[in-house]
Amino acid sequence: MIELKSDSLVFSFPKVHKAATLRMDFQRTLRIPDDGDDYPLPPGLGRFPLRHVDDFSDRVPDSWLTRGGVMLPMYQSEALWLNFSPAGDYPFAVKVAAGKINAVTGDVWKNGLMERPQDYLVVPEQPWLDGYCVEKGFIRQFVGMPLGSGYSAEEQVTSEAEHGGIQIIAYPMKREAYERMRARIRDLLPAAPQLESYSLSVDMGLAPGGRMRQEVYDDPYTFKDWDTKHASRCFVHLSNSLVWRAVTDEQPPTVPPTSEEYTRAGLPWFEYYGGDLKALEGSERLGGLKSVTELGEQEGDVPLPENVSVSPENVIALRKGLRKDEVREGVF
């Protein structure tokens, strides 16, 4: 079951386990410079608003109604990251695609889970995803560009501008596997408290932007422990922010500050350390895609405004098991 609550998607699987609940939201953020340098994690600037597509059936494209799901507004060349918040310690395998191109492997969308190469994220071990996994320890930031402009990963991989948006599917861990895991934790830590539970096109796609230091983690569990019989999926449509107003009668969020403005103000960037978790090697296919700036230079275009290099000095280290007051969300 998927519900929309307070601009978050809530995936719940009560038939699997009462604790099997995952909250996911989409964070507004700085667009890091696309200049060939490697940057730390930018902050969260608040959640994008999410709305049901069906609530605006007389104003959105028919293709959106066919796919259903939710929608959010993005300005051209704006960036976002995905924030995963399980209700407690219940594990999930989450597949993420943009324009039906898998953000971990670069492959065209396939149903189900693939063990090798791993085509999914593991939550809560993976608290965030900021972009396409291009190599071990590095991603290229998700940057919104008009579908049909040629910049999106979908168009670079398939030469088509068909889907756009973001596709999400979540699989819970099997109940018995979760109970075994909890039993092992109780045995190891008997005194510890238990955890509880360019035209105004409507469609936008996600293109690979600047390079960021972020690991995508290998699955630390046994592959057969994932409950592939229970899954919830959602299509997240990306609306041009200037069109959003006409569709919803709501003002879109304001334009985020630039990386230069944010850094000059001395505000924090972040590094995250996953402890002993192993990072995936990354996708050669995704690593071979051209970034927005690279493709723009090839086409004689300047698609990213204010693409000024910065040197972040206020970088906060976040570690596995981070406290609530250490998260990236809503720091600005």
C-alpha atoms as a PDB file:
ATOM      1  CA  MET A   1       0.000   0.000   0.000  1.00  0.00           C
ATOM      2  CA  ILE A   2       1.220   3.516  -0.818  1.00  0.00           C
ATOM      3  CA  GLU A   3      -0.145   6.659   0.807  1.00  0.00           C
ATOM      4  CA  LEU A   4       0.695  10.322   0.282  1.00  0.00           C
ATOM      5  CA  LYS A   5       1.228  12.012   3.653  1.00  0.00           C
ATOM      6  CA  SER A   6       2.758  15.441   4.273  1.00  0.00           C
ATOM      7  CA  ASP A   7       4.535  15.484   0.900  1.00  0.00           C
ATOM      8  CA  SER A   8       6.001  12.019   1.507  1.00  0.00           C
ATOM      9  CA  LEU A   9       5.302   8.623  -0.028  1.00  0.00           C
ATOM     10  CA  VAL A  10       4.574   6.054   2.662  1.00  0.00           C
ATOM     11  CA  PHE A  11       5.031   2.410   1.641  1.00  0.00           C
ATOM     12  CA  SER A  12       3.488  -0.015   4.132  1.00  0.00           C
ATOM     13  CA  PHE A  13       3.181  -3.794   4.127  1.00  0.00           C
ATOM     14  CA  PRO A  14       0.958  -4.774   7.096  1.00  0.00           C
ATOM     15  CA  LYS A  15       0.439  -8.289   5.699  1.00  0.00           C
ATOM     16  CA  VAL A  16       4.210  -8.834   5.913  1.00  0.00           C
ATOM     17  CA  HIS A  17       4.883  -7.190   9.288  1.00  0.00           C
ATOM     18  CA  LYS A  18       3.412  -4.326  11.313  1.00  0.00           C
ATOM     19  CA  ALA A  19       6.842  -2.657  11.339  1.00  0.00           C
ATOM     20  CA  ALA A  20       7.291  -2.837   7.543  1.00  0.00           C
ATOM     21  CA  THR A  21       6.797   0.866   6.748  1.00  0.00           C
ATOM     22  CA  LEU A  22       9.025   3.109   4.656  1.00  0.00           C
ATOM     23  CA  ARG A  23       8.663   6.862   4.229  1.00  0.00           C
ATOM     24  CA  MET A  24      10.274   8.520   1.226  1.00  0.00           C
ATOM     25  CA  ASP A  25      10.436  12.163   0.204  1.00  0.00           C
ATOM     26  CA  PHE A  26      12.147  14.224  -2.465  1.00  0.00           C
ATOM     27  CA  GLN A  27      14.460  16.943  -1.213  1.00  0.00           C
ATOM     28  CA  ARG A  28      15.124  20.259  -2.898  1.00  0.00           C
ATOM     29  CA  THR A  29      18.839  20.969  -2.926  1.00  0.00           C
ATOM     30  CA  LEU A  30      21.713  22.925  -4.406  1.00  0.00           C
ATOM     31  CA  ARG A  31      22.803  22.010  -7.880  1.00  0.00           C
ATOM     32  CA  ILE A  32      26.503  21.288  -7.426  1.00  0.00           C
ATOM     33  CA  PRO A  33      28.874  22.654 -10.076  1.00  0.00           C
ATOM     34  CA  ASP A  34      29.236  20.447 -13.141  1.00  0.00           C
ATOM     35  CA  ASP A  35      32.918  21.233 -13.606  1.00  0.00           C
ATOM     36  CA  GLY A  36      34.741  17.898 -13.341  1.00  0.00           C
ATOM     37  CA  ASP A  37      35.551  18.305  -9.640  1.00  0.00           C
ATOM     38  CA  ASP A  38      34.144  16.033  -6.915  1.00  0.00           C
ATOM     39  CA  TYR A  39      31.866  17.616  -4.305  1.00  0.00           C
ATOM     40  CA  PRO A  40      30.525  16.621  -0.881  1.00  0.00           C
ATOM     41  CA  LEU A  41      26.806  16.150  -0.230  1.00  0.00           C
ATOM     42  CA  PRO A  42      24.715  19.312  -0.541  1.00  0.00           C
ATOM     43  CA  PRO A  43      21.993  20.073   2.031  1.00  0.00           C
ATOM     44  CA  GLY A  44      18.288  19.448   1.969  1.00  0.00           C
ATOM     45  CA  LEU A  45      16.303  22.650   1.408  1.00  0.00           C
ATOM     46  CA  GLY A  46      12.931  21.153   2.259  1.00  0.00           C
ATOM     47  CA  ARG A  47      10.609  18.677   0.593  1.00  0.00           C
ATOM     48  CA  PHE A  48       9.194  19.095  -2.877  1.00  0.00           C
ATOM     49  CA  PRO A  49       5.387  19.253  -2.759  1.00  0.00           C
ATOM     50  CA  LEU A  50       3.752  16.038  -3.947  1.00  0.00           C
ATOM     51  CA  ARG A  51       0.248  15.833  -5.404  1.00  0.00           C
ATOM     52  CA  HIS A  52      -1.870  12.996  -6.766  1.00  0.00           C
ATOM     53  CA  VAL A  53      -2.004  13.093 -10.567  1.00  0.00           C
ATOM     54  CA  ASP A  54      -5.655  11.979 -10.530  1.00  0.00           C
ATOM     55  CA  ASP A  55      -6.633  15.105  -8.586  1.00  0.00           C
ATOM     56  CA  PHE A  56      -5.831  17.176 -11.689  1.00  0.00           C
ATOM     57  CA  SER A  57      -7.188  14.838 -14.359  1.00  0.00           C
ATOM     58  CA  ASP A  58      -8.505  17.704 -16.502  1.00  0.00           C
ATOM     59  CA  ARG A  59      -5.144  19.505 -16.617  1.00  0.00           C
ATOM     60  CA  VAL A  60      -2.383  16.907 -16.974  1.00  0.00           C
ATOM     61  CA  PRO A  61      -1.370  14.900 -20.058  1.00  0.00           C
ATOM     62  CA  ASP A  62      -3.296  11.687 -20.732  1.00  0.00           C
ATOM     63  CA  SER A  63      -0.055   9.707 -20.436  1.00  0.00           C
ATOM     64  CA  TRP A  64       0.223  10.848 -16.808  1.00  0.00           C
ATOM     65  CA  LEU A  65      -3.279   9.619 -16.037  1.00  0.00           C
ATOM     66  CA  THR A  66      -2.493   6.277 -17.648  1.00  0.00           C
ATOM     67  CA  ARG A  67       0.557   5.818 -15.435  1.00  0.00           C
ATOM     68  CA  GLY A  68      -1.049   7.319 -12.334  1.00  0.00           C
ATOM     69  CA  GLY A  69       1.073   8.137  -9.326  1.00  0.00           C
ATOM     70  CA  VAL A  70       2.106  11.542  -8.038  1.00  0.00           C
ATOM     71  CA  MET A  71       3.785  14.660  -9.373  1.00  0.00           C
ATOM     72  CA  LEU A  72       6.208  17.290  -8.136  1.00  0.00           C
ATOM     73  CA  PRO A  73       7.481  20.572  -9.646  1.00  0.00           C
ATOM     74  CA  MET A  74      11.059  21.184 -10.801  1.00  0.00           C
ATOM     75  CA  TYR A  75      12.675  24.171 -12.431  1.00  0.00           C
ATOM     76  CA  GLN A  76      14.871  23.524 -15.444  1.00  0.00           C
ATOM     77  CA  SER A  77      18.411  22.669 -14.212  1.00  0.00           C
ATOM     78  CA  GLU A  78      17.198  22.227 -10.611  1.00  0.00           C
ATOM     79  CA  ALA A  79      18.540  19.284  -8.582  1.00  0.00           C
ATOM     80  CA  LEU A  80      16.970  16.865  -6.108  1.00  0.00           C
ATOM     81  CA  TRP A  81      17.836  13.946  -3.857  1.00  0.00           C
ATOM     82  CA  LEU A  82      15.800  11.048  -2.484  1.00  0.00           C
ATOM     83  CA  ASN A  83      15.436  10.707   1.285  1.00  0.00           C
ATOM     84  CA  PHE A  84      14.592   7.274   2.782  1.00  0.00           C
ATOM     85  CA  SER A  85      13.158   7.037   6.318  1.00  0.00           C
ATOM     86  CA  PRO A  86      12.014   3.616   7.519  1.00  0.00           C
ATOM     87  CA  ALA A  87       9.696   3.691  10.524  1.00  0.00           C
ATOM     88  CA  GLY A  88      12.242   1.678  12.536  1.00  0.00           C
ATOM     89  CA  ASP A  89      14.909  -0.811  11.533  1.00  0.00           C
ATOM     90  CA  TYR A  90      12.849  -2.790   9.013  1.00  0.00           C
ATOM     91  CA  PRO A  91      14.939  -3.380   5.835  1.00  0.00           C
ATOM     92  CA  PHE A  92      13.712  -2.697   2.308  1.00  0.00           C
ATOM     93  CA  ALA A  93      15.099  -3.296  -1.169  1.00  0.00           C
ATOM     94  CA  VAL A  94      14.271  -0.199  -3.236  1.00  0.00           C
ATOM     95  CA  LYS A  95      14.644   0.091  -7.002  1.00  0.00           C
ATOM     96  CA  VAL A  96      14.992   3.610  -8.382  1.00  0.00           C
ATOM     97  CA  ALA A  97      14.864   4.553 -12.040  1.00  0.00           C
ATOM     98  CA  ALA A  98      14.651   7.843 -13.929  1.00  0.00           C
ATOM     99  CA  GLY A  99      12.965   7.650 -17.306  1.00  0.00           C
ATOM    100  CA  LYS A 100      12.956   3.886 -16.627  1.00  0.00           C
ATOM    101  CA  ILE A 101      16.768   3.816 -16.595  1.00  0.00           C
ATOM    102  CA  ASN A 102      17.976   2.116 -13.421  1.00  0.00           C
ATOM    103  CA  ALA A 103      19.921   4.654 -11.336  1.00  0.00           C
ATOM    104  CA  VAL A 104      22.259   1.937  -9.983  1.00  0.00           C
ATOM    105  CA  THR A 105      23.038  -0.167 -13.072  1.00  0.00           C
ATOM    106  CA  GLY A 106      22.110   2.030 -16.039  1.00  0.00           C
ATOM    107  CA  ASP A 107      19.975  -0.776 -17.474  1.00  0.00           C
ATOM    108  CA  VAL A 108      16.496  -0.321 -18.903  1.00  0.00           C
ATOM    109  CA  TRP A 109      13.858  -1.061 -16.250  1.00  0.00           C
ATOM    110  CA  LYS A 110      13.210  -4.708 -15.437  1.00  0.00           C
ATOM    111  CA  ASN A 111      10.621  -6.036 -13.015  1.00  0.00           C
ATOM    112  CA  GLY A 112      11.805  -7.896  -9.924  1.00  0.00           C
ATOM    113  CA  LEU A 113      15.168  -7.745  -8.183  1.00  0.00           C
ATOM    114  CA  MET A 114      18.519  -8.697  -9.666  1.00  0.00           C
ATOM    115  CA  GLU A 115      21.251  -9.982  -7.343  1.00  0.00           C
ATOM    116  CA  ARG A 116      24.254  -9.552  -9.651  1.00  0.00           C
ATOM    117  CA  PRO A 117      24.720  -6.921 -10.679  1.00  0.00           C
ATOM    118  CA  GLN A 118      22.711  -5.549  -7.773  1.00  0.00           C
ATOM    119  CA  ASP A 119      20.055  -3.268  -9.225  1.00  0.00           C
ATOM    120  CA  TYR A 120      18.546  -1.890  -6.010  1.00  0.00           C
ATOM    121  CA  LEU A 121      19.334   0.059  -2.851  1.00  0.00           C
ATOM    122  CA  VAL A 122      19.106  -1.342   0.667  1.00  0.00           C
ATOM    123  CA  VAL A 123      17.355   0.819   3.270  1.00  0.00           C
ATOM    124  CA  PRO A 124      18.059   1.805   6.053  1.00  0.00           C
ATOM    125  CA  GLU A 125      21.740   1.243   5.163  1.00  0.00           C
ATOM    126  CA  GLN A 126      21.274   3.679   2.235  1.00  0.00           C
ATOM    127  CA  PRO A 127      19.794   6.839   3.779  1.00  0.00           C
ATOM    128  CA  TRP A 128      19.883   8.928   0.593  1.00  0.00           C
ATOM    129  CA  LEU A 129      20.386   8.806  -3.153  1.00  0.00           C
ATOM    130  CA  ASP A 130      21.531  11.968  -4.938  1.00  0.00           C
ATOM    131  CA  GLY A 131      22.123  10.694  -8.458  1.00  0.00           C
ATOM    132  CA  TYR A 132      23.308   8.052 -10.882  1.00  0.00           C
ATOM    133  CA  CYS A 133      25.896   5.593  -9.530  1.00  0.00           C
ATOM    134  CA  VAL A 134      28.721   6.136 -12.027  1.00  0.00           C
ATOM    135  CA  GLU A 135      31.641   4.527 -10.184  1.00  0.00           C
ATOM    136  CA  LYS A 136      32.616   3.265  -6.749  1.00  0.00           C
ATOM    137  CA  GLY A 137      32.126   6.085  -4.265  1.00  0.00           C
ATOM    138  CA  PHE A 138      30.766   8.604  -6.780  1.00  0.00           C
ATOM    139  CA  ILE A 139      27.441   9.601  -8.289  1.00  0.00           C
ATOM    140  CA  ARG A 140      26.362  12.207 -10.826  1.00  0.00           C
ATOM    141  CA  GLN A 141      23.685  14.449  -9.408  1.00  0.00           C
ATOM    142  CA  PHE A 142      20.046  14.216 -10.536  1.00  0.00           C
ATOM    143  CA  VAL A 143      19.357  17.415 -12.514  1.00  0.00           C
ATOM    144  CA  GLY A 144      15.967  18.208 -14.040  1.00  0.00           C
ATOM    145  CA  MET A 145      15.944  18.968 -17.771  1.00  0.00           C
ATOM    146  CA  PRO A 146      13.045  19.193 -20.245  1.00  0.00           C
ATOM    147  CA  LEU A 147      12.168  15.812 -21.686  1.00  0.00           C
ATOM    148  CA  GLY A 148      13.031  15.895 -25.374  1.00  0.00           C
ATOM    149  CA  SER A 149      16.024  18.208 -24.978  1.00  0.00           C
ATOM    150  CA  GLY A 150      18.432  15.233 -25.213  1.00  0.00           C
ATOM    151  CA  TYR A 151      20.097  15.656 -21.811  1.00  0.00           C
ATOM    152  CA  SER A 152      18.358  13.002 -19.707  1.00  0.00           C
ATOM    153  CA  ALA A 153      19.899   9.608 -19.030  1.00  0.00           C
ATOM    154  CA  GLU A 154      16.850   8.061 -20.682  1.00  0.00           C
ATOM    155  CA  GLU A 155      17.506   9.882 -23.954  1.00  0.00           C
ATOM    156  CA  GLN A 156      21.251   9.181 -23.869  1.00  0.00           C
ATOM    157  CA  VAL A 157      20.714   5.443 -23.270  1.00  0.00           C
ATOM    158  CA  THR A 158      17.641   4.743 -25.449  1.00  0.00           C
ATOM    159  CA  SER A 159      17.612   7.705 -27.873  1.00  0.00           C
ATOM    160  CA  GLU A 160      13.949   8.157 -26.895  1.00  0.00           C
ATOM    161  CA  ALA A 161      12.089  10.684 -24.738  1.00  0.00           C
ATOM    162  CA  GLU A 162       9.219   8.456 -23.712  1.00  0.00           C
ATOM    163  CA  HIS A 163       8.869   8.188 -19.945  1.00  0.00           C
ATOM    164  CA  GLY A 164      10.646  10.902 -17.951  1.00  0.00           C
ATOM    165  CA  GLY A 165       9.913  11.134 -14.247  1.00  0.00           C
ATOM    166  CA  ILE A 166      11.094   8.803 -11.496  1.00  0.00           C
ATOM    167  CA  GLN A 167      10.028   5.211 -10.961  1.00  0.00           C
ATOM    168  CA  ILE A 168      10.118   3.642  -7.494  1.00  0.00           C
ATOM    169  CA  ILE A 169       9.408   0.107  -6.325  1.00  0.00           C
ATOM    170  CA  ALA A 170       9.926  -1.096  -2.745  1.00  0.00           C
ATOM    171  CA  TYR A 171      10.201  -4.681  -1.505  1.00  0.00           C
ATOM    172  CA  PRO A 172      10.132  -5.480   2.231  1.00  0.00           C
ATOM    173  CA  MET A 173      12.288  -8.106   3.863  1.00  0.00           C
ATOM    174  CA  LYS A 174      10.443 -11.361   4.550  1.00  0.00           C
ATOM    175  CA  ARG A 175       8.879 -11.470   7.991  1.00  0.00           C
ATOM    176  CA  GLU A 176      10.824 -14.552   9.089  1.00  0.00           C
ATOM    177  CA  ALA A 177      14.129 -13.045   7.924  1.00  0.00           C
ATOM    178  CA  TYR A 178      13.404  -9.854   9.866  1.00  0.00           C
ATOM    179  CA  GLU A 179      12.538 -11.801  13.008  1.00  0.00           C
ATOM    180  CA  ARG A 180      15.799 -13.782  12.721  1.00  0.00           C
ATOM    181  CA  MET A 181      17.710 -10.534  12.363  1.00  0.00           C
ATOM    182  CA  ARG A 182      16.034  -9.031  15.429  1.00  0.00           C
ATOM    183  CA  ALA A 183      16.746 -12.194  17.418  1.00  0.00           C
ATOM    184  CA  ARG A 184      20.447 -11.969  16.532  1.00  0.00           C
ATOM    185  CA  ILE A 185      20.494  -8.330  17.623  1.00  0.00           C
ATOM    186  CA  ARG A 186      18.849  -9.218  20.951  1.00  0.00           C
ATOM    187  CA  ASP A 187      21.417 -11.963  21.504  1.00  0.00           C
ATOM    188  CA  LEU A 188      24.319  -9.634  20.769  1.00  0.00           C
ATOM    189  CA  LEU A 189      22.960  -6.634  22.642  1.00  0.00           C
ATOM    190  CA  PRO A 190      20.735  -7.976  25.433  1.00  0.00           C
ATOM    191  CA  ALA A 191      20.832  -4.731  27.400  1.00  0.00           C
ATOM    192  CA  ALA A 192      20.114  -2.427  24.484  1.00  0.00           C
ATOM    193  CA  PRO A 193      16.594  -0.992  24.094  1.00  0.00           C
ATOM    194  CA  GLN A 194      14.646  -2.471  21.199  1.00  0.00           C
ATOM    195  CA  LEU A 195      13.993  -0.268  18.194  1.00  0.00           C
ATOM    196  CA  GLU A 196      10.400   0.553  17.301  1.00  0.00           C
ATOM    197  CA  SER A 197       8.834   0.527  14.852  1.00  0.00           C
ATOM    198  CA  TYR A 198      13.765  24.635 -23.016  1.00  0.00           C
ATOM    199  CA  SER A 199      10.022  25.152 -23.958  1.00  0.00           C
ATOM    200  CA  LEU A 200       7.490  24.971 -21.231  1.00  0.00           C
ATOM    201  CA  SER A 201       7.071  21.254 -21.697  1.00  0.00           C
ATOM    202  CA  VAL A 202       5.134  19.662 -18.861  1.00  0.00           C
ATOM    203  CA  ASP A 203       7.453  16.650 -18.668  1.00  0.00           C
ATOM    204  CA  MET A 204      10.885  16.762 -17.107  1.00  0.00           C
ATOM    205  CA  GLY A 205      13.567  14.076 -17.071  1.00  0.00           C
ATOM    206  CA  LEU A 206      16.616  13.620 -14.870  1.00  0.00           C
ATOM    207  CA  ALA A 207      20.013  14.197 -16.423  1.00  0.00           C
ATOM    208  CA  PRO A 208      23.457  13.449 -14.947  1.00  0.00           C
ATOM    209  CA  GLY A 209      24.963  16.578 -13.426  1.00  0.00           C
ATOM    210  CA  GLY A 210      28.039  17.267 -11.310  1.00  0.00           C
ATOM    211  CA  ARG A 211      30.095  14.562  -9.572  1.00  0.00           C
ATOM    212  CA  MET A 212      29.468  13.960  -5.898  1.00  0.00           C
ATOM    213  CA  ARG A 213      31.142  11.761  -3.305  1.00  0.00           C
ATOM    214  CA  GLN A 214      28.481   9.228  -2.328  1.00  0.00           C
ATOM    215  CA  GLU A 215      28.614   5.461  -1.943  1.00  0.00           C
ATOM    216  CA  VAL A 216      25.817   3.129  -3.033  1.00  0.00           C
ATOM    217  CA  TYR A 217      26.035   0.118  -0.734  1.00  0.00           C
ATOM    218  CA  ASP A 218      26.152  -3.578  -1.460  1.00  0.00           C
ATOM    219  CA  ASP A 219      23.320  -5.651  -0.010  1.00  0.00           C
ATOM    220  CA  PRO A 220      24.503  -6.876   3.443  1.00  0.00           C
ATOM    221  CA  TYR A 221      21.625  -9.359   3.703  1.00  0.00           C
ATOM    222  CA  THR A 222      20.876 -12.678   2.004  1.00  0.00           C
ATOM    223  CA  PHE A 223      19.200 -12.126  -1.374  1.00  0.00           C
ATOM    224  CA  LYS A 224      16.497 -14.746  -0.777  1.00  0.00           C
ATOM    225  CA  ASP A 225      15.362 -12.833   2.324  1.00  0.00           C
ATOM    226  CA  TRP A 226      13.637 -10.179   0.190  1.00  0.00           C
ATOM    227  CA  ASP A 227       9.873 -10.661  -0.114  1.00  0.00           C
ATOM    228  CA  THR A 228       9.403 -10.265  -3.865  1.00  0.00           C
ATOM    229  CA  LYS A 229       5.761 -11.367  -3.620  1.00  0.00           C
ATOM    230  CA  HIS A 230       4.897  -8.102  -1.927  1.00  0.00           C
ATOM    231  CA  ALA A 231       5.871  -4.907  -3.692  1.00  0.00           C
ATOM    232  CA  SER A 232       4.575  -1.358  -4.033  1.00  0.00           C
ATOM    233  CA  ARG A 233       5.463   0.855  -6.945  1.00  0.00           C
ATOM    234  CA  CYS A 234       4.895   4.496  -7.804  1.00  0.00           C
ATOM    235  CA  PHE A 235       5.493   6.703 -10.849  1.00  0.00           C
ATOM    236  CA  VAL A 236       6.664  10.177  -9.828  1.00  0.00           C
ATOM    237  CA  HIS A 237       6.038  12.673 -12.625  1.00  0.00           C
ATOM    238  CA  LEU A 238       8.266  15.738 -12.856  1.00  0.00           C
ATOM    239  CA  SER A 239       6.397  18.872 -13.858  1.00  0.00           C
ATOM    240  CA  ASN A 240       8.065  22.024 -15.074  1.00  0.00           C
ATOM    241  CA  SER A 241       7.626  24.447 -12.152  1.00  0.00           C
ATOM    242  CA  LEU A 242       6.232  27.167 -14.410  1.00  0.00           C
ATOM    243  CA  VAL A 243       3.550  24.745 -15.626  1.00  0.00           C
ATOM    244  CA  TRP A 244       2.853  23.531 -12.070  1.00  0.00           C
ATOM    245  CA  ARG A 245       1.104  26.808 -11.260  1.00  0.00           C
ATOM    246  CA  ALA A 246      -1.307  26.400 -14.184  1.00  0.00           C
ATOM    247  CA  VAL A 247      -2.017  22.761 -13.295  1.00  0.00           C
ATOM    248  CA  THR A 248      -2.468  23.030  -9.521  1.00  0.00           C
ATOM    249  CA  ASP A 249      -3.211  26.745  -8.906  1.00  0.00           C
ATOM    250  CA  GLU A 250      -0.351  26.572  -6.380  1.00  0.00           C
ATOM    251  CA  GLN A 251       2.880  28.513  -6.376  1.00  0.00           C
ATOM    252  CA  PRO A 252       5.922  26.247  -6.884  1.00  0.00           C
ATOM    253  CA  PRO A 253       8.790  26.491  -4.381  1.00  0.00           C
ATOM    254  CA  THR A 254      11.177  29.375  -4.879  1.00  0.00           C
ATOM    255  CA  VAL A 255      14.334  28.907  -6.925  1.00  0.00           C
ATOM    256  CA  PRO A 256      17.068  27.375  -4.697  1.00  0.00           C
ATOM    257  CA  PRO A 257      20.213  29.387  -3.946  1.00  0.00           C
ATOM    258  CA  THR A 258      23.231  28.671  -6.092  1.00  0.00           C
ATOM    259  CA  SER A 259      26.139  26.633  -4.754  1.00  0.00           C
ATOM    260  CA  GLU A 260      28.217  29.824  -4.832  1.00  0.00           C
ATOM    261  CA  GLU A 261      25.697  31.757  -2.715  1.00  0.00           C
ATOM    262  CA  TYR A 262      25.326  28.906  -0.239  1.00  0.00           C
ATOM    263  CA  THR A 263      29.062  28.332   0.155  1.00  0.00           C
ATOM    264  CA  ARG A 264      29.799  32.050   0.485  1.00  0.00           C
ATOM    265  CA  ALA A 265      27.339  32.159   3.407  1.00  0.00           C
ATOM    266  CA  GLY A 266      29.430  29.545   5.223  1.00  0.00           C
ATOM    267  CA  LEU A 267      26.561  27.035   5.428  1.00  0.00           C
ATOM    268  CA  PRO A 268      27.305  23.305   5.802  1.00  0.00           C
ATOM    269  CA  TRP A 269      27.937  20.594   3.254  1.00  0.00           C
ATOM    270  CA  PHE A 270      28.098  16.935   4.304  1.00  0.00           C
ATOM    271  CA  GLU A 271      30.119  13.726   4.083  1.00  0.00           C
ATOM    272  CA  TYR A 272      28.552  10.389   5.021  1.00  0.00           C
ATOM    273  CA  TYR A 273      30.479   7.349   6.201  1.00  0.00           C
ATOM    274  CA  GLY A 274      28.781   3.963   6.142  1.00  0.00           C
ATOM    275  CA  GLY A 275      31.250   2.269   8.467  1.00  0.00           C
ATOM    276  CA  ASP A 276      32.064  -1.263   7.336  1.00  0.00           C
ATOM    277  CA  LEU A 277      29.441  -1.311   4.559  1.00  0.00           C
ATOM    278  CA  LYS A 278      30.823  -2.274   1.137  1.00  0.00           C
ATOM    279  CA  ALA A 279      30.223   0.061  -1.791  1.00  0.00           C
ATOM    280  CA  LEU A 280      29.097  -1.088  -5.225  1.00  0.00           C
ATOM    281  CA  GLU A 281      31.549  -0.627  -8.089  1.00  0.00           C
ATOM    282  CA  GLY A 282      29.185   1.597 -10.071  1.00  0.00           C
ATOM    283  CA  SER A 283      27.856   1.324 -13.605  1.00  0.00           C
ATOM    284  CA  GLU A 284      30.127   1.619 -16.639  1.00  0.00           C
ATOM    285  CA  ARG A 285      27.076   2.498 -18.706  1.00  0.00           C
ATOM    286  CA  LEU A 286      26.111   5.354 -16.403  1.00  0.00           C
ATOM    287  CA  GLY A 287      29.747   6.386 -16.112  1.00  0.00           C
ATOM    288  CA  GLY A 288      29.874   6.704 -19.889  1.00  0.00           C
ATOM    289  CA  LEU A 289      26.980   9.172 -20.075  1.00  0.00           C
ATOM    290  CA  LYS A 290      27.760  12.808 -20.746  1.00  0.00           C
ATOM    291  CA  SER A 291      26.935  15.289 -18.023  1.00  0.00           C
ATOM    292  CA  VAL A 292      24.656  18.236 -18.796  1.00  0.00           C
ATOM    293  CA  THR A 293      27.633  20.577 -19.220  1.00  0.00           C
ATOM    294  CA  GLU A 294      29.599  18.122 -21.376  1.00  0.00           C
ATOM    295  CA  LEU A 295      26.648  17.525 -23.676  1.00  0.00           C
ATOM    296  CA  GLY A 296      25.887  21.239 -23.812  1.00  0.00           C
ATOM    297  CA  GLU A 297      29.452  22.046 -24.871  1.00  0.00           C
ATOM    298  CA  GLN A 298      29.226  19.361 -27.559  1.00  0.00           C
ATOM    299  CA  GLU A 299      25.999  20.926 -28.868  1.00  0.00           C
ATOM    300  CA  GLY A 300      27.250  24.517 -28.548  1.00  0.00           C
ATOM    301  CA  ASP A 301      24.741  25.218 -25.759  1.00  0.00           C
ATOM    302  CA  VAL A 302      24.984  26.567 -22.197  1.00  0.00           C
ATOM    303  CA  PRO A 303      22.278  24.580 -20.365  1.00  0.00           C
ATOM    304  CA  LEU A 304      23.325  25.277 -16.762  1.00  0.00           C
ATOM    305  CA  PRO A 305      23.167  28.870 -15.516  1.00  0.00           C
ATOM    306  CA  GLU A 306      25.577  29.997 -12.791  1.00  0.00           C
ATOM    307  CA  ASN A 307      27.765  26.886 -13.013  1.00  0.00           C
ATOM    308  CA  VAL A 308      30.530  28.407 -10.874  1.00  0.00           C
ATOM    309  CA  SER A 309      33.088  26.185  -9.149  1.00  0.00           C
ATOM    310  CA  VAL A 310      33.142  26.404  -5.344  1.00  0.00           C
ATOM    311  CA  SER A 311      35.415  25.210  -2.539  1.00  0.00           C
ATOM    312  CA  PRO A 312      33.277  24.036   0.409  1.00  0.00           C
ATOM    313  CA  GLU A 313      35.086  24.522   3.726  1.00  0.00           C
ATOM    314  CA  ASN A 314      32.263  23.860   6.203  1.00  0.00           C
ATOM    315  CA  VAL A 315      31.861  20.101   5.670  1.00  0.00           C
ATOM    316  CA  ILE A 316      30.134  18.082   8.411  1.00  0.00           C
ATOM    317  CA  ALA A 317      30.902  14.368   8.741  1.00  0.00           C
ATOM    318  CA  LEU A 318      27.795  12.216   9.209  1.00  0.00           C
ATOM    319  CA  ARG A 319      28.266   8.626  10.310  1.00  0.00           C
ATOM    320  CA  LYS A 320      26.165   5.485  10.260  1.00  0.00           C
ATOM    321  CA  GLY A 321      23.483   5.687  12.938  1.00  0.00           C
ATOM    322  CA  LEU A 322      23.341   9.473  12.686  1.00  0.00           C
ATOM    323  CA  ARG A 323      21.138  11.346  15.146  1.00  0.00           C
ATOM    324  CA  LYS A 324      18.014  13.214  14.108  1.00  0.00           C
ATOM    325  CA  ASP A 325      19.780  16.559  14.521  1.00  0.00           C
ATOM    326  CA  GLU A 326      22.584  15.467  12.178  1.00  0.00           C
ATOM    327  CA  VAL A 327      20.503  14.811   9.068  1.00  0.00           C
ATOM    328  CA  ARG A 328      20.829  16.828   5.892  1.00  0.00           C
ATOM    329  CA  GLU A 329      17.124  17.593   5.606  1.00  0.00           C
ATOM    330  CA  GLY A 330      15.978  21.188   5.989  1.00  0.00           C
ATOM    331  CA  VAL A 331      19.238  22.818   7.083  1.00  0.00           C
ATOM    332  CA  PHE A 332      18.734  26.019   5.077  1.00  0.00           C
END
